[in-house]
Amino acid sequence: MKKAVIALADGAWFEGVSFGAEGEAGGEVVFNTSMAGYQEILTDPSYKGQMVTMTYPLIGNYGVNAEDVESRRPWVEAFIVKEYSGYPSNWRNRGSLDGYLKSYNIVGIQGIDTRALTKHIRDFGAQQGIISTIDTDPESLIRKAKARPSMAGQDLAKTVSCSELYETRQTTWDIERGYGESKNTSLHVVAYDFGIKRNILRILSTLGCRVTVVPAATSWREVMAMRPDGVLLSNGPGDPEPVTYAVENIKALLDKVPIFGICLGHQLLGIALGGRTYKLKFGHHGGNQPVMDLGTRKVEITSQNHGFAVDMESMPDGVEITHVNLNDNTVEGMRHKELPIFSVQYHPEASPGPHDSAYLFQRFIAMMEIEKIKVKS
């Protein structure tokens, strides 16, 4: 097995062995606490610009398949694991994780102490790093990592968004039939693609929506010309503040149509409503984040992937906080007190799970139906 080295901008480095593609890759090093779902993580566009460390020690044991993907390709810059399993066993397996990474030229490293790396990130924050099988001199890699730009200030939504609009009717996966197609579409949702995950679209279709997905820079006039019953602002990567074109379009839509924001969409909505965002020390990445719904006092376990958060103290009086993270008290949800607008920082479409937050899609459906009745009356 070929030697590989990962080095961080602050001087920390780890030696391991290569899997996946050979070469050199750079990005912000983050950790994900999920025990399963690595294929969904790899294909989540929100990870563009980042190298993901899995805290669960054994990765690759159930292989990969063509169904468990959340976008058209993997977006992570590199993949970091403690132990890669080269002998996958699962009834749905169609190939190895190693081969999958190779096919998309994604560099991987295994055999390092991922617990030590994770603790380092928790102590010193997410930062730029380099993984290489070509240059294995730690000092050289540290210099390269230091020279890389921060995630702050980067508009990555435009790099992962679709290039033209499309419609989808694909419904959620079923063990007997796989994915289906929605026949009943009583509501029309226009979804802004800032890096959208397919399961968001599948859930909306399953609940009876015709979904039109539009590129990130689509003007609000084009959206309203489609006569939507609601607008969804999707998840996505990078810093929300440089995505000014999206903020301007959202501002124009605020009093025109029900809006539901998820992750980056939540942050962009916060800015459009007059607030600010800030970068978290090491972000929230994983499938086990506890969040409280302040309205019901109910705690849900959520899937999250974000490095920035909304500063609720910067929000105007017309907006209230609805959900908080029980680990660090950061804002996880908000709603407008008068307009049919709400958003969450986490992923209610969580694929493969958990599914505690699926009720939010029903809330969006109910909001659109109520507004539709108001217009008719």
Protein backbone atom coordinates (compact mmCIF):
# COMPACT_ATOMS: atom_id res chain seq x y z
CA MET A 1 0.00 0.00 0.00
CA LYS A 2 1.28 3.45 -0.91
CA LYS A 3 2.29 5.94 1.76
CA ALA A 4 0.07 9.02 2.18
CA VAL A 5 0.40 12.05 4.45
CA ILE A 6 -2.17 14.60 5.63
CA ALA A 7 -0.94 17.96 6.95
CA LEU A 8 -2.89 20.87 8.46
CA ALA A 9 -2.17 24.57 8.17
CA ASP A 10 -1.32 24.82 11.89
CA GLY A 11 1.52 22.30 11.55
CA ALA A 12 -0.15 19.07 12.65
CA TRP A 13 0.37 16.07 10.36
CA PHE A 14 -0.41 12.36 10.19
CA GLU A 15 1.07 9.53 8.14
CA GLY A 16 -1.08 6.75 6.71
CA VAL A 17 -1.60 4.77 3.53
CA SER A 18 -3.48 5.58 0.36
CA PHE A 19 -6.82 4.28 -0.84
CA GLY A 20 -9.00 5.62 -3.59
CA ALA A 21 -7.16 7.77 -6.13
CA GLU A 22 -3.48 8.58 -5.80
CA GLY A 23 -2.39 12.20 -6.04
CA GLU A 24 -2.76 15.37 -4.00
CA ALA A 25 -5.85 17.17 -2.73
CA GLY A 26 -6.57 20.15 -0.51
CA GLY A 27 -9.53 21.52 1.39
CA GLU A 28 -10.92 22.40 4.80
CA VAL A 29 -10.56 19.38 7.09
CA VAL A 30 -13.78 18.57 8.99
CA PHE A 31 -15.09 15.52 10.83
CA ASN A 32 -18.41 13.68 10.48
CA THR A 33 -19.80 11.65 13.39
CA SER A 34 -22.20 9.44 11.40
CA MET A 35 -21.83 5.68 11.80
CA ALA A 36 -23.20 4.92 8.33
CA GLY A 37 -24.19 6.77 5.17
CA TYR A 38 -20.72 7.44 3.77
CA GLN A 39 -21.97 7.33 0.17
CA GLU A 40 -24.62 9.95 0.93
CA ILE A 41 -21.93 12.06 2.63
CA LEU A 42 -19.58 11.79 -0.34
CA THR A 43 -22.32 12.94 -2.75
CA ASP A 44 -23.68 15.77 -0.60
CA PRO A 45 -22.77 19.00 -2.49
CA SER A 46 -22.52 20.80 0.86
CA TYR A 47 -19.08 19.17 1.26
CA LYS A 48 -17.59 20.92 -1.77
CA GLY A 49 -14.27 22.43 -0.67
CA GLN A 50 -13.89 20.09 2.32
CA MET A 51 -11.96 16.93 3.19
CA VAL A 52 -14.10 14.72 5.40
CA THR A 53 -12.82 12.69 8.35
CA MET A 54 -15.13 9.88 9.46
CA THR A 55 -15.06 9.36 13.24
CA TYR A 56 -16.58 5.88 12.96
CA PRO A 57 -13.49 3.64 12.67
CA LEU A 58 -14.51 1.15 9.95
CA ILE A 59 -15.67 2.54 6.60
CA GLY A 60 -16.50 0.79 3.32
CA ASN A 61 -17.87 -2.45 4.79
CA TYR A 62 -21.16 -2.36 2.85
CA GLY A 63 -19.73 -1.07 -0.43
CA VAL A 64 -21.50 1.33 -2.78
CA ASN A 65 -24.46 1.24 -5.16
CA ALA A 66 -26.19 3.44 -7.72
CA GLU A 67 -29.17 4.28 -5.49
CA ASP A 68 -27.59 5.81 -2.38
CA VAL A 69 -26.40 9.01 -4.03
CA GLU A 70 -27.58 12.53 -3.26
CA SER A 71 -26.37 14.33 -6.39
CA ARG A 72 -24.80 13.72 -9.79
CA ARG A 73 -21.32 12.99 -8.37
CA PRO A 74 -19.23 13.01 -5.17
CA TRP A 75 -18.15 16.50 -4.08
CA VAL A 76 -15.74 15.94 -1.18
CA GLU A 77 -12.17 16.97 -1.93
CA ALA A 78 -10.73 13.94 -0.09
CA PHE A 79 -11.79 11.19 2.32
CA ILE A 80 -10.10 10.33 5.63
CA VAL A 81 -10.77 7.10 7.57
CA LYS A 82 -9.22 5.00 10.33
CA GLU A 83 -9.68 1.65 8.59
CA TYR A 84 -10.95 1.01 5.07
CA SER A 85 -12.79 -2.29 4.54
CA GLY A 86 -11.73 -3.75 1.19
CA TYR A 87 -14.19 -6.66 1.34
CA PRO A 88 -17.70 -5.17 1.28
CA SER A 89 -20.68 -7.39 2.03
CA ASN A 90 -24.26 -6.25 1.50
CA TRP A 91 -27.18 -7.44 -0.63
CA ARG A 92 -27.26 -4.04 -2.38
CA ASN A 93 -23.50 -3.77 -2.90
CA ARG A 94 -22.42 -3.08 -6.49
CA GLY A 95 -18.78 -2.11 -5.94
CA SER A 96 -16.10 -1.11 -3.49
CA LEU A 97 -15.65 2.33 -1.95
CA ASP A 98 -12.02 2.25 -3.10
CA GLY A 99 -13.09 1.76 -6.73
CA TYR A 100 -15.78 4.42 -6.39
CA LEU A 101 -13.27 7.02 -5.19
CA LYS A 102 -10.84 6.05 -7.94
CA SER A 103 -13.54 6.49 -10.61
CA TYR A 104 -14.03 10.12 -9.52
CA ASN A 105 -10.33 10.80 -8.83
CA ILE A 106 -10.90 11.41 -5.11
CA VAL A 107 -7.86 10.94 -2.87
CA GLY A 108 -8.30 8.92 0.31
CA ILE A 109 -6.09 8.18 3.31
CA GLN A 110 -6.51 5.40 5.88
CA GLY A 111 -4.52 4.06 8.80
CA ILE A 112 -4.28 7.34 10.70
CA ASP A 113 -5.55 8.07 14.21
CA THR A 114 -8.83 9.75 13.28
CA ARG A 115 -9.69 10.21 16.95
CA ALA A 116 -6.55 12.31 17.45
CA LEU A 117 -7.29 14.29 14.28
CA THR A 118 -10.88 14.90 15.39
CA LYS A 119 -9.78 16.06 18.86
CA HIS A 120 -7.25 18.39 17.21
CA ILE A 121 -9.98 19.97 15.05
CA ARG A 122 -12.24 20.35 18.09
CA ASP A 123 -9.46 22.11 19.99
CA PHE A 124 -8.01 24.26 17.22
CA GLY A 125 -10.87 24.51 14.71
CA ALA A 126 -11.53 23.32 11.17
CA GLN A 127 -8.72 24.47 8.90
CA GLN A 128 -7.14 23.97 5.52
CA GLY A 129 -5.18 20.80 4.89
CA ILE A 130 -3.43 18.78 2.19
CA ILE A 131 -3.41 15.02 1.54
CA SER A 132 -0.75 13.68 -0.80
CA THR A 133 0.69 10.41 -2.07
CA ILE A 134 3.13 12.35 -4.28
CA ASP A 135 4.74 14.77 -1.85
CA THR A 136 5.11 13.06 1.54
CA ASP A 137 7.32 15.71 3.15
CA PRO A 138 5.25 17.09 6.08
CA GLU A 139 6.93 20.51 6.05
CA SER A 140 6.23 20.93 2.33
CA LEU A 141 2.57 19.96 2.80
CA ILE A 142 2.16 22.30 5.78
CA ARG A 143 3.38 25.21 3.62
CA LYS A 144 0.88 24.27 0.91
CA ALA A 145 -1.95 24.06 3.45
CA LYS A 146 -1.08 27.48 4.86
CA ALA A 147 -1.25 28.95 1.34
CA ARG A 148 -4.80 27.71 0.71
CA PRO A 149 -7.70 30.19 0.98
CA SER A 150 -10.16 29.96 3.87
CA MET A 151 -13.73 28.74 3.34
CA ALA A 152 -14.87 32.15 4.58
CA GLY A 153 -15.58 34.41 1.63
CA GLN A 154 -16.01 31.61 -0.92
CA ASP A 155 -19.18 31.33 -3.00
CA LEU A 156 -19.23 27.60 -3.72
CA ALA A 157 -22.96 27.38 -4.45
CA LYS A 158 -22.39 28.45 -8.05
CA THR A 159 -19.93 25.58 -8.59
CA VAL A 160 -22.34 22.82 -7.52
CA SER A 161 -25.66 24.23 -8.79
CA CYS A 162 -27.39 22.84 -11.86
CA SER A 163 -26.78 24.73 -15.11
CA GLU A 164 -30.40 24.73 -16.27
CA LEU A 165 -33.82 24.13 -14.74
CA TYR A 166 -35.41 20.69 -14.66
CA GLU A 167 -38.48 18.99 -13.20
CA THR A 168 -38.52 15.87 -11.06
CA ARG A 169 -41.25 13.50 -9.87
CA GLN A 170 -39.04 10.83 -8.28
CA THR A 171 -40.40 9.64 -4.93
CA THR A 172 -38.63 8.17 -1.92
CA TRP A 173 -37.02 4.72 -1.96
CA ASP A 174 -38.97 1.59 -1.14
CA ILE A 175 -37.46 -1.83 -0.44
CA GLU A 176 -39.82 -3.55 -2.90
CA ARG A 177 -39.73 -1.15 -5.86
CA GLY A 178 -36.78 1.18 -5.34
CA TYR A 179 -37.63 4.74 -6.41
CA GLY A 180 -41.09 5.54 -7.79
CA GLU A 181 -42.71 8.41 -9.64
CA SER A 182 -45.31 10.80 -8.26
CA LYS A 183 -48.66 10.85 -10.07
CA ASN A 184 -50.56 13.29 -7.84
CA THR A 185 -49.05 16.78 -8.01
CA SER A 186 -51.48 19.30 -6.53
CA LEU A 187 -48.79 21.80 -5.50
CA HIS A 188 -45.94 23.37 -7.46
CA VAL A 189 -42.65 24.01 -5.65
CA VAL A 190 -39.73 25.86 -7.21
CA ALA A 191 -36.50 24.74 -5.55
CA TYR A 192 -33.37 26.87 -5.73
CA ASP A 193 -30.37 24.60 -6.24
CA PHE A 194 -27.51 25.89 -4.10
CA GLY A 195 -26.27 22.29 -3.83
CA ILE A 196 -29.55 20.47 -3.34
CA LYS A 197 -29.75 16.89 -2.08
CA ARG A 198 -32.00 14.58 -4.08
CA ASN A 199 -33.89 13.35 -1.04
CA ILE A 200 -35.34 16.83 -0.53
CA LEU A 201 -36.86 16.57 -3.99
CA ARG A 202 -38.01 12.98 -3.45
CA ILE A 203 -39.86 13.84 -0.24
CA LEU A 204 -41.62 16.81 -1.86
CA SER A 205 -42.67 14.61 -4.79
CA THR A 206 -43.89 11.88 -2.43
CA LEU A 207 -46.05 14.47 -0.65
CA GLY A 208 -47.75 15.50 -3.88
CA CYS A 209 -45.60 18.33 -5.23
CA ARG A 210 -44.50 19.01 -8.77
CA VAL A 211 -40.94 20.21 -8.29
CA THR A 212 -39.06 22.53 -10.61
CA VAL A 213 -35.37 22.88 -9.75
CA VAL A 214 -33.68 26.10 -10.87
CA PRO A 215 -30.03 27.26 -10.92
CA ALA A 216 -28.75 29.28 -7.96
CA ALA A 217 -28.72 32.59 -9.86
CA THR A 218 -32.26 32.36 -11.29
CA SER A 219 -34.03 35.70 -10.91
CA TRP A 220 -37.08 36.05 -8.69
CA ARG A 221 -39.08 37.26 -11.70
CA GLU A 222 -38.39 34.00 -13.54
CA VAL A 223 -39.42 32.06 -10.46
CA MET A 224 -42.70 33.95 -10.03
CA ALA A 225 -43.46 33.52 -13.73
CA MET A 226 -43.63 29.77 -13.01
CA ARG A 227 -46.55 30.46 -10.62
CA PRO A 228 -45.19 28.42 -7.68
CA ASP A 229 -47.19 27.58 -4.59
CA GLY A 230 -43.96 27.71 -2.62
CA VAL A 231 -40.22 28.23 -2.93
CA LEU A 232 -37.60 26.00 -1.34
CA LEU A 233 -34.11 27.33 -0.60
CA SER A 234 -31.75 24.36 -0.60
CA ASN A 235 -28.66 23.32 1.27
CA GLY A 236 -25.24 23.99 -0.22
CA PRO A 237 -21.54 24.59 0.50
CA GLY A 238 -19.39 27.51 1.53
CA ASP A 239 -19.98 30.93 3.04
CA PRO A 240 -23.48 32.43 2.57
CA GLU A 241 -22.35 36.07 2.61
CA PRO A 242 -20.73 36.11 -0.88
CA VAL A 243 -23.88 34.61 -2.44
CA THR A 244 -25.33 38.10 -2.87
CA TYR A 245 -27.33 37.31 -6.00
CA ALA A 246 -29.35 34.73 -4.06
CA VAL A 247 -29.92 37.11 -1.16
CA GLU A 248 -31.32 39.79 -3.49
CA ASN A 249 -33.69 37.30 -5.11
CA ILE A 250 -34.86 36.01 -1.74
CA LYS A 251 -35.52 39.58 -0.54
CA ALA A 252 -37.82 40.11 -3.52
CA LEU A 253 -39.70 36.85 -2.83
CA LEU A 254 -40.32 37.41 0.88
CA ASP A 255 -43.81 38.88 0.57
CA LYS A 256 -44.85 36.94 -2.54
CA VAL A 257 -44.80 33.21 -1.77
CA PRO A 258 -44.33 30.72 1.11
CA ILE A 259 -40.64 29.95 1.65
CA PHE A 260 -38.88 27.02 3.31
CA GLY A 261 -35.08 27.22 3.80
CA ILE A 262 -32.72 24.36 4.60
CA CYS A 263 -29.08 24.72 5.76
CA LEU A 264 -27.40 27.22 3.38
CA GLY A 265 -30.92 28.25 2.37
CA HIS A 266 -31.61 29.01 6.04
CA GLN A 267 -28.49 31.17 6.24
CA LEU A 268 -29.28 33.04 3.01
CA LEU A 269 -32.81 33.65 4.27
CA GLY A 270 -31.39 35.02 7.51
CA ILE A 271 -29.27 37.53 5.60
CA ALA A 272 -32.20 38.46 3.34
CA LEU A 273 -34.30 39.17 6.44
CA GLY A 274 -31.65 41.58 7.72
CA GLY A 275 -29.40 39.35 9.85
CA ARG A 276 -25.80 38.22 9.79
CA THR A 277 -23.95 34.90 9.76
CA TYR A 278 -20.66 33.79 11.28
CA LYS A 279 -18.24 30.88 10.94
CA LEU A 280 -18.36 28.13 13.56
CA LYS A 281 -15.15 26.82 15.11
CA PHE A 282 -15.46 23.32 13.67
CA GLY A 283 -19.02 23.18 12.36
CA HIS A 284 -21.69 20.53 12.77
CA HIS A 285 -21.29 17.42 10.62
CA GLY A 286 -23.03 14.16 11.47
CA GLY A 287 -26.28 12.31 12.05
CA ASN A 288 -26.61 12.67 15.83
CA GLN A 289 -27.06 16.38 16.64
CA PRO A 290 -29.74 17.04 19.32
CA VAL A 291 -32.10 19.92 18.50
CA MET A 292 -35.01 21.24 20.56
CA ASP A 293 -38.19 22.56 18.99
CA LEU A 294 -38.94 25.50 21.28
CA GLY A 295 -42.64 25.41 20.44
CA THR A 296 -43.20 21.82 21.59
CA ARG A 297 -40.08 21.39 23.79
CA LYS A 298 -39.56 18.15 21.89
CA VAL A 299 -35.99 17.04 21.15
CA GLU A 300 -35.17 15.57 17.76
CA ILE A 301 -31.94 13.90 16.65
CA THR A 302 -30.85 15.53 13.41
CA SER A 303 -28.49 15.22 10.48
CA GLN A 304 -26.31 18.29 10.00
CA ASN A 305 -23.58 19.56 7.71
CA HIS A 306 -22.67 23.23 8.00
CA GLY A 307 -19.75 25.43 8.98
CA PHE A 308 -21.61 28.74 9.32
CA ALA A 309 -24.57 29.81 11.48
CA VAL A 310 -27.13 32.62 11.75
CA ASP A 311 -26.51 35.20 14.46
CA MET A 312 -29.99 35.45 15.97
CA GLU A 313 -29.15 38.62 17.89
CA SER A 314 -28.73 40.36 14.52
CA MET A 315 -32.23 39.40 13.33
CA PRO A 316 -35.09 41.94 13.31
CA ASP A 317 -38.00 41.74 15.76
CA GLY A 318 -40.30 40.20 13.15
CA VAL A 319 -38.32 36.94 13.18
CA GLU A 320 -38.25 34.45 16.05
CA ILE A 321 -36.07 31.48 16.85
CA THR A 322 -37.88 28.11 16.71
CA HIS A 323 -35.11 25.53 17.22
CA VAL A 324 -31.80 25.43 19.10
CA ASN A 325 -28.85 23.05 19.15
CA LEU A 326 -28.57 21.46 22.58
CA ASN A 327 -24.80 20.97 22.27
CA ASP A 328 -23.85 24.62 21.79
CA ASN A 329 -27.13 26.62 21.78
CA THR A 330 -26.64 27.81 18.20
CA VAL A 331 -29.69 28.71 16.11
CA GLU A 332 -31.22 25.70 14.33
CA GLY A 333 -34.50 27.18 13.12
CA MET A 334 -36.47 30.39 12.72
CA ARG A 335 -39.74 31.71 11.35
CA HIS A 336 -41.25 35.01 10.34
CA LYS A 337 -44.02 36.10 12.71
CA GLU A 338 -46.31 37.42 9.98
CA LEU A 339 -45.22 35.97 6.63
CA PRO A 340 -45.39 32.25 5.64
CA ILE A 341 -41.64 31.79 5.93
CA PHE A 342 -39.56 29.39 8.03
CA SER A 343 -36.21 27.63 7.88
CA VAL A 344 -33.95 25.17 9.67
CA GLN A 345 -30.18 24.85 9.84
CA TYR A 346 -30.23 21.06 9.81
CA HIS A 347 -31.33 18.46 7.20
CA PRO A 348 -34.92 17.23 7.62
CA GLU A 349 -34.52 15.13 4.45
CA ALA A 350 -31.74 13.17 6.23
CA SER A 351 -30.67 10.30 4.04
CA PRO A 352 -30.05 7.67 5.34
CA GLY A 353 -31.37 9.17 8.59
CA PRO A 354 -32.38 9.96 11.28
CA HIS A 355 -35.95 10.84 10.32
CA ASP A 356 -37.12 12.77 13.40
CA SER A 357 -37.46 16.01 11.42
CA ALA A 358 -39.53 14.82 8.45
CA TYR A 359 -42.55 16.67 9.88
CA LEU A 360 -41.09 19.94 8.57
CA PHE A 361 -41.98 19.01 5.01
CA GLN A 362 -45.58 18.45 6.12
CA ARG A 363 -45.45 21.91 7.73
CA PHE A 364 -44.34 23.39 4.40
CA ILE A 365 -47.13 21.56 2.56
CA ALA A 366 -49.74 22.83 5.04
CA MET A 367 -48.40 26.38 4.72
CA MET A 368 -48.70 26.29 0.93
CA GLU A 369 -52.21 24.85 1.05
CA ILE A 370 -53.36 27.55 3.48
CA GLU A 371 -51.92 30.31 1.28
CA LYS A 372 -53.54 28.74 -1.78
CA ILE A 373 -56.94 28.85 -0.09
CA LYS A 374 -56.40 32.50 0.88
CA VAL A 375 -55.65 33.43 -2.73
CA LYS A 376 -58.79 31.67 -4.00
CA SER A 377 -61.00 33.32 -1.39
